[in-house]
C-alpha atoms as a PDB file:
ATOM      1  CA  MET A   1      11.606  41.553 -13.042  1.00  0.00           C
ATOM      2  CA  ALA A   2      11.011  37.843 -13.073  1.00  0.00           C
ATOM      3  CA  SER A   3      10.439  36.154 -16.625  1.00  0.00           C
ATOM      4  CA  ILE A   4       6.912  34.063 -17.157  1.00  0.00           C
ATOM      5  CA  LEU A   5       7.007  31.021 -19.220  1.00  0.00           C
ATOM      6  CA  LYS A   6       3.274  30.183 -20.256  1.00  0.00           C
ATOM      7  CA  ALA A   7       2.701  26.846 -22.069  1.00  0.00           C
ATOM      8  CA  ASP A   8      -0.085  24.433 -22.580  1.00  0.00           C
ATOM      9  CA  LYS A   9       1.883  21.306 -23.172  1.00  0.00           C
ATOM     10  CA  ILE A  10       5.682  20.703 -22.952  1.00  0.00           C
ATOM     11  CA  GLU A  11       7.094  18.029 -25.195  1.00  0.00           C
ATOM     12  CA  GLY A  12      10.580  16.648 -25.357  1.00  0.00           C
ATOM     13  CA  VAL A  13      12.216  17.308 -28.593  1.00  0.00           C
ATOM     14  CA  THR A  14      13.620  13.616 -28.643  1.00  0.00           C
ATOM     15  CA  ALA A  15      11.654  10.564 -30.288  1.00  0.00           C
ATOM     16  CA  SER A  16      10.867   9.429 -26.489  1.00  0.00           C
ATOM     17  CA  GLY A  17       8.792  12.589 -26.324  1.00  0.00           C
ATOM     18  CA  THR A  18       9.332  12.807 -22.423  1.00  0.00           C
ATOM     19  CA  VAL A  19      10.962  15.780 -20.406  1.00  0.00           C
ATOM     20  CA  GLN A  20      12.966  15.048 -17.694  1.00  0.00           C
ATOM     21  CA  MET A  21      11.899  16.490 -14.633  1.00  0.00           C
ATOM     22  CA  PRO A  22      14.263  17.986 -11.900  1.00  0.00           C
ATOM     23  CA  ALA A  23      15.133  15.769  -9.071  1.00  0.00           C
ATOM     24  CA  GLY A  24      12.629  15.259  -6.236  1.00  0.00           C
ATOM     25  CA  HIS A  25       9.648  16.055  -8.625  1.00  0.00           C
ATOM     26  CA  VAL A  26       6.615  13.628  -8.707  1.00  0.00           C
ATOM     27  CA  VAL A  27       6.392  12.359 -12.449  1.00  0.00           C
ATOM     28  CA  GLN A  28       2.865  10.181 -11.905  1.00  0.00           C
ATOM     29  CA  VAL A  29       0.712   8.767  -9.224  1.00  0.00           C
ATOM     30  CA  VAL A  30      -1.172   5.423  -9.478  1.00  0.00           C
ATOM     31  CA  GLN A  31      -3.797   4.189  -6.586  1.00  0.00           C
ATOM     32  CA  GLY A  32      -5.328   0.620  -6.207  1.00  0.00           C
ATOM     33  CA  GLU A  33      -7.480  -0.132  -3.692  1.00  0.00           C
ATOM     34  CA  VAL A  34      -9.702  -2.773  -2.380  1.00  0.00           C
ATOM     35  CA  LEU A  35     -13.284  -2.357  -1.014  1.00  0.00           C
ATOM     36  CA  THR A  36     -14.198  -5.803   0.569  1.00  0.00           C
ATOM     37  CA  GLN A  37     -12.950  -7.304   3.508  1.00  0.00           C
ATOM     38  CA  ILE A  38     -10.098  -9.995   3.458  1.00  0.00           C
ATOM     39  CA  SER A  39      -9.682 -12.629   6.190  1.00  0.00           C
ATOM     40  CA  ASN A  40      -6.489 -14.326   7.007  1.00  0.00           C
ATOM     41  CA  SER A  41      -6.813 -17.301   9.311  1.00  0.00           C
ATOM     42  CA  SER A  42      -3.171 -18.616   9.181  1.00  0.00           C
ATOM     43  CA  SER A  43       0.369 -17.756   9.337  1.00  0.00           C
ATOM     44  CA  SER A  44       0.603 -17.980   5.412  1.00  0.00           C
ATOM     45  CA  TYR A  45       0.953 -14.677   3.774  1.00  0.00           C
ATOM     46  CA  GLY A  46      -2.004 -14.045   1.580  1.00  0.00           C
ATOM     47  CA  ASP A  47      -2.333 -10.954  -0.883  1.00  0.00           C
ATOM     48  CA  VAL A  48      -4.356  -8.061   0.366  1.00  0.00           C
ATOM     49  CA  VAL A  49      -3.821  -5.365  -2.677  1.00  0.00           C
ATOM     50  CA  THR A  50      -2.131  -4.913  -5.933  1.00  0.00           C
ATOM     51  CA  GLN A  51      -1.101  -1.880  -8.335  1.00  0.00           C
ATOM     52  CA  ALA A  52       1.401  -1.734 -11.487  1.00  0.00           C
ATOM     53  CA  ILE A  53       2.937   1.429 -12.605  1.00  0.00           C
ATOM     54  CA  THR A  54       4.929   1.745 -15.578  1.00  0.00           C
ATOM     55  CA  PRO A  55       7.906   4.440 -14.334  1.00  0.00           C
ATOM     56  CA  LYS A  56       9.133   6.779 -17.254  1.00  0.00           C
ATOM     57  CA  PHE A  57      12.579   6.809 -16.694  1.00  0.00           C
ATOM     58  CA  SER A  58      14.732   3.929 -15.436  1.00  0.00           C
ATOM     59  CA  SER A  59      16.408   6.249 -12.800  1.00  0.00           C
ATOM     60  CA  SER A  60      13.367   6.670 -10.950  1.00  0.00           C
ATOM     61  CA  LYS A  61      12.394   6.158  -7.399  1.00  0.00           C
ATOM     62  CA  ILE A  62       8.899   5.006  -6.265  1.00  0.00           C
ATOM     63  CA  LEU A  63       7.427   5.522  -3.098  1.00  0.00           C
ATOM     64  CA  ILE A  64       5.015   2.976  -1.768  1.00  0.00           C
ATOM     65  CA  GLN A  65       2.580   4.112   0.352  1.00  0.00           C
ATOM     66  CA  CYS A  66      -0.243   1.323   1.915  1.00  0.00           C
ATOM     67  CA  SER A  67      -2.630   2.102   4.391  1.00  0.00           C
ATOM     68  CA  GLY A  68      -6.146   0.427   5.729  1.00  0.00           C
ATOM     69  CA  CYS A  69      -7.548  -0.963   8.792  1.00  0.00           C
ATOM     70  CA  ALA A  70      -7.387  -4.177  10.211  1.00  0.00           C
ATOM     71  CA  THR A  71      -9.169  -6.283  12.977  1.00  0.00           C
ATOM     72  CA  PRO A  72      -7.061  -9.130  14.545  1.00  0.00           C
ATOM     73  CA  GLN A  73      -8.806 -11.422  17.232  1.00  0.00           C
ATOM     74  CA  THR A  74      -7.860 -11.360  20.626  1.00  0.00           C
ATOM     75  CA  GLY A  75      -3.954 -12.279  20.823  1.00  0.00           C
ATOM     76  CA  ASN A  76      -3.588 -12.133  17.579  1.00  0.00           C
ATOM     77  CA  ALA A  77      -0.647 -10.748  15.446  1.00  0.00           C
ATOM     78  CA  LEU A  78      -0.671  -9.280  12.114  1.00  0.00           C
ATOM     79  CA  TYR A  79       2.056  -9.091   9.774  1.00  0.00           C
ATOM     80  CA  PHE A  80       2.683  -7.368   6.531  1.00  0.00           C
ATOM     81  CA  LYS A  81       4.896  -7.977   3.438  1.00  0.00           C
ATOM     82  CA  LEU A  82       5.951  -5.378   0.542  1.00  0.00           C
ATOM     83  CA  PHE A  83       6.624  -7.457  -2.916  1.00  0.00           C
ATOM     84  CA  ARG A  84       8.021  -5.916  -6.338  1.00  0.00           C
ATOM     85  CA  GLY A  85       6.958  -8.707  -8.801  1.00  0.00           C
ATOM     86  CA  SER A  86       7.702 -11.862  -6.604  1.00  0.00           C
ATOM     87  CA  THR A  87      10.626 -10.129  -5.272  1.00  0.00           C
ATOM     88  CA  GLU A  88       9.967  -9.096  -1.410  1.00  0.00           C
ATOM     89  CA  ILE A  89      11.338  -5.540  -0.922  1.00  0.00           C
ATOM     90  CA  GLY A  90       9.687  -4.449   2.338  1.00  0.00           C
ATOM     91  CA  SER A  91      10.306  -7.957   5.148  1.00  0.00           C
ATOM     92  CA  GLY A  92       8.538  -7.362   8.222  1.00  0.00           C
ATOM     93  CA  SER A  93       7.590  -3.785   6.616  1.00  0.00           C
ATOM     94  CA  GLY A  94       4.696  -2.530   9.266  1.00  0.00           C
ATOM     95  CA  GLY A  95       4.759  -5.819  10.947  1.00  0.00           C
ATOM     96  CA  GLY A  96       3.292  -5.475  14.146  1.00  0.00           C
ATOM     97  CA  TYR A  97       1.626  -7.020  17.280  1.00  0.00           C
ATOM     98  CA  TYR A  98      -2.128  -5.737  17.835  1.00  0.00           C
ATOM     99  CA  ASN A  99      -3.374  -6.195  21.750  1.00  0.00           C
ATOM    100  CA  VAL A 100      -7.098  -5.934  22.607  1.00  0.00           C
ATOM    101  CA  ALA A 101      -6.597  -3.459  25.207  1.00  0.00           C
ATOM    102  CA  GLY A 102      -9.640  -0.860  25.111  1.00  0.00           C
ATOM    103  CA  ALA A 103     -11.060  -2.948  22.256  1.00  0.00           C
ATOM    104  CA  LEU A 104     -14.765  -2.685  21.004  1.00  0.00           C
ATOM    105  CA  THR A 105     -17.221  -5.009  21.947  1.00  0.00           C
ATOM    106  CA  ASN A 106     -19.277  -6.685  19.327  1.00  0.00           C
ATOM    107  CA  PRO A 107     -22.941  -6.231  20.382  1.00  0.00           C
ATOM    108  CA  GLY A 108     -24.675  -9.659  21.072  1.00  0.00           C
ATOM    109  CA  ASN A 109     -21.163 -11.147  21.030  1.00  0.00           C
ATOM    110  CA  SER A 110     -19.030 -11.971  23.765  1.00  0.00           C
ATOM    111  CA  GLU A 111     -15.722 -11.508  21.766  1.00  0.00           C
ATOM    112  CA  HIS A 112     -13.521  -8.336  21.731  1.00  0.00           C
ATOM    113  CA  PHE A 113     -12.099  -6.925  18.642  1.00  0.00           C
ATOM    114  CA  ASP A 114      -9.604  -4.144  18.361  1.00  0.00           C
ATOM    115  CA  VAL A 115      -9.665  -2.000  14.962  1.00  0.00           C
ATOM    116  CA  LYS A 116      -6.242  -0.654  14.132  1.00  0.00           C
ATOM    117  CA  SER A 117      -5.187   1.340  11.203  1.00  0.00           C
ATOM    118  CA  PHE A 118      -1.822   0.640   9.413  1.00  0.00           C
ATOM    119  CA  SER A 119       0.090   2.861   7.340  1.00  0.00           C
ATOM    120  CA  ILE A 120       3.118   1.259   5.532  1.00  0.00           C
ATOM    121  CA  GLN A 121       5.830   3.235   3.364  1.00  0.00           C
ATOM    122  CA  HIS A 122       8.593   2.393   1.298  1.00  0.00           C
ATOM    123  CA  LEU A 123      11.214   4.066  -1.127  1.00  0.00           C
ATOM    124  CA  ASP A 124      11.915   1.365  -4.258  1.00  0.00           C
ATOM    125  CA  SER A 125      14.546   1.685  -6.893  1.00  0.00           C
ATOM    126  CA  PRO A 126      13.096  -0.526  -9.305  1.00  0.00           C
ATOM    127  CA  SER A 127      15.488   0.885 -12.489  1.00  0.00           C
ATOM    128  CA  THR A 128      13.550  -0.040 -15.182  1.00  0.00           C
ATOM    129  CA  THR A 129      10.779   1.674 -17.731  1.00  0.00           C
ATOM    130  CA  SER A 130       8.840  -1.671 -17.622  1.00  0.00           C
ATOM    131  CA  ALA A 131       5.545  -2.070 -16.134  1.00  0.00           C
ATOM    132  CA  THR A 132       6.203  -3.083 -12.539  1.00  0.00           C
ATOM    133  CA  THR A 133       3.691  -4.726 -10.034  1.00  0.00           C
ATOM    134  CA  TYR A 134       3.747  -3.825  -6.348  1.00  0.00           C
ATOM    135  CA  LYS A 135       1.413  -5.483  -3.826  1.00  0.00           C
ATOM    136  CA  LEU A 136       0.934  -6.018  -0.105  1.00  0.00           C
ATOM    137  CA  GLN A 137       0.807  -9.447   1.641  1.00  0.00           C
ATOM    138  CA  ALA A 138      -0.520 -10.105   5.197  1.00  0.00           C
ATOM    139  CA  ALA A 139      -0.392 -13.082   7.684  1.00  0.00           C
ATOM    140  CA  ALA A 140      -2.461 -13.541  10.923  1.00  0.00           C
ATOM    141  CA  THR A 141      -0.241 -15.572  13.388  1.00  0.00           C
ATOM    142  CA  ASN A 142      -2.878 -16.539  15.672  1.00  0.00           C
ATOM    143  CA  GLY A 143      -6.150 -16.762  15.011  1.00  0.00           C
ATOM    144  CA  THR A 144      -7.980 -14.611  12.501  1.00  0.00           C
ATOM    145  CA  ALA A 145      -7.615 -11.105  11.549  1.00  0.00           C
ATOM    146  CA  LYS A 146      -9.705  -9.247   8.723  1.00  0.00           C
ATOM    147  CA  ILE A 147      -8.511  -6.205   6.395  1.00  0.00           C
ATOM    148  CA  GLY A 148     -10.084  -3.910   4.950  1.00  0.00           C
ATOM    149  CA  GLY A 149     -13.314  -3.776   7.181  1.00  0.00           C
ATOM    150  CA  ARG A 150     -14.562  -3.821  11.024  1.00  0.00           C
ATOM    151  CA  GLN A 151     -14.988  -7.213  12.232  1.00  0.00           C
ATOM    152  CA  ASP A 152     -17.860  -6.044  14.472  1.00  0.00           C
ATOM    153  CA  ASN A 153     -20.218  -5.434  11.382  1.00  0.00           C
ATOM    154  CA  THR A 154     -19.279  -7.149   8.134  1.00  0.00           C
ATOM    155  CA  ASP A 155     -21.434  -4.870   5.994  1.00  0.00           C
ATOM    156  CA  ILE A 156     -18.884  -1.947   6.481  1.00  0.00           C
ATOM    157  CA  ALA A 157     -15.828  -2.186   4.614  1.00  0.00           C
ATOM    158  CA  VAL A 158     -12.969   0.540   4.664  1.00  0.00           C
ATOM    159  CA  PRO A 159     -10.740   0.626   1.638  1.00  0.00           C
ATOM    160  CA  THR A 160      -7.045  -0.719   1.858  1.00  0.00           C
ATOM    161  CA  ARG A 161      -5.281   1.301  -0.505  1.00  0.00           C
ATOM    162  CA  ILE A 162      -1.777   0.921  -2.220  1.00  0.00           C
ATOM    163  CA  THR A 163      -0.462   4.423  -3.865  1.00  0.00           C
ATOM    164  CA  LEU A 164       2.619   4.835  -6.180  1.00  0.00           C
ATOM    165  CA  MET A 165       4.375   7.792  -7.118  1.00  0.00           C
ATOM    166  CA  GLU A 166       7.332   8.146  -9.187  1.00  0.00           C
ATOM    167  CA  ILE A 167       9.856  10.559  -8.445  1.00  0.00           C
ATOM    168  CA  ALA A 168      12.265  11.859 -10.736  1.00  0.00           C
ATOM    169  CA  GLN A 169      16.162  11.374  -9.745  1.00  0.00           C
END
């Protein structure tokens, strides 16, 4: 016969008031998002979305997941970088060239646009219990790229998100 443990709340016995979870369990999840379009028209990287988390355990890992929608112009490439504070932790993460094969035509305009979704994941070991900020940056290398919306209709914004999950170790 199996035992059943019922509890409304679990508290630690020590002054910290926290209970160590078994390895692999999600301790907490936070998410940030941007609901407006961000244009990048140079090879300089610019901030796209930022979110902070305060890990409960210094041994935890942080799983970072970024997703969104990008619309580079013809012949353009869009590259991403991921940062913890000011330290680059994902050089070239998700970097890629978006071609315009099968692109959407902007009604009333002769330009063609290719809307691409992107997803970037990274597992980080910040080794701290202090508030830690993560951010995604992007650069367009040959023209203009919009992140967070459709270039053929600037009234439609598609959220760009960063999700941070603290994973017990």
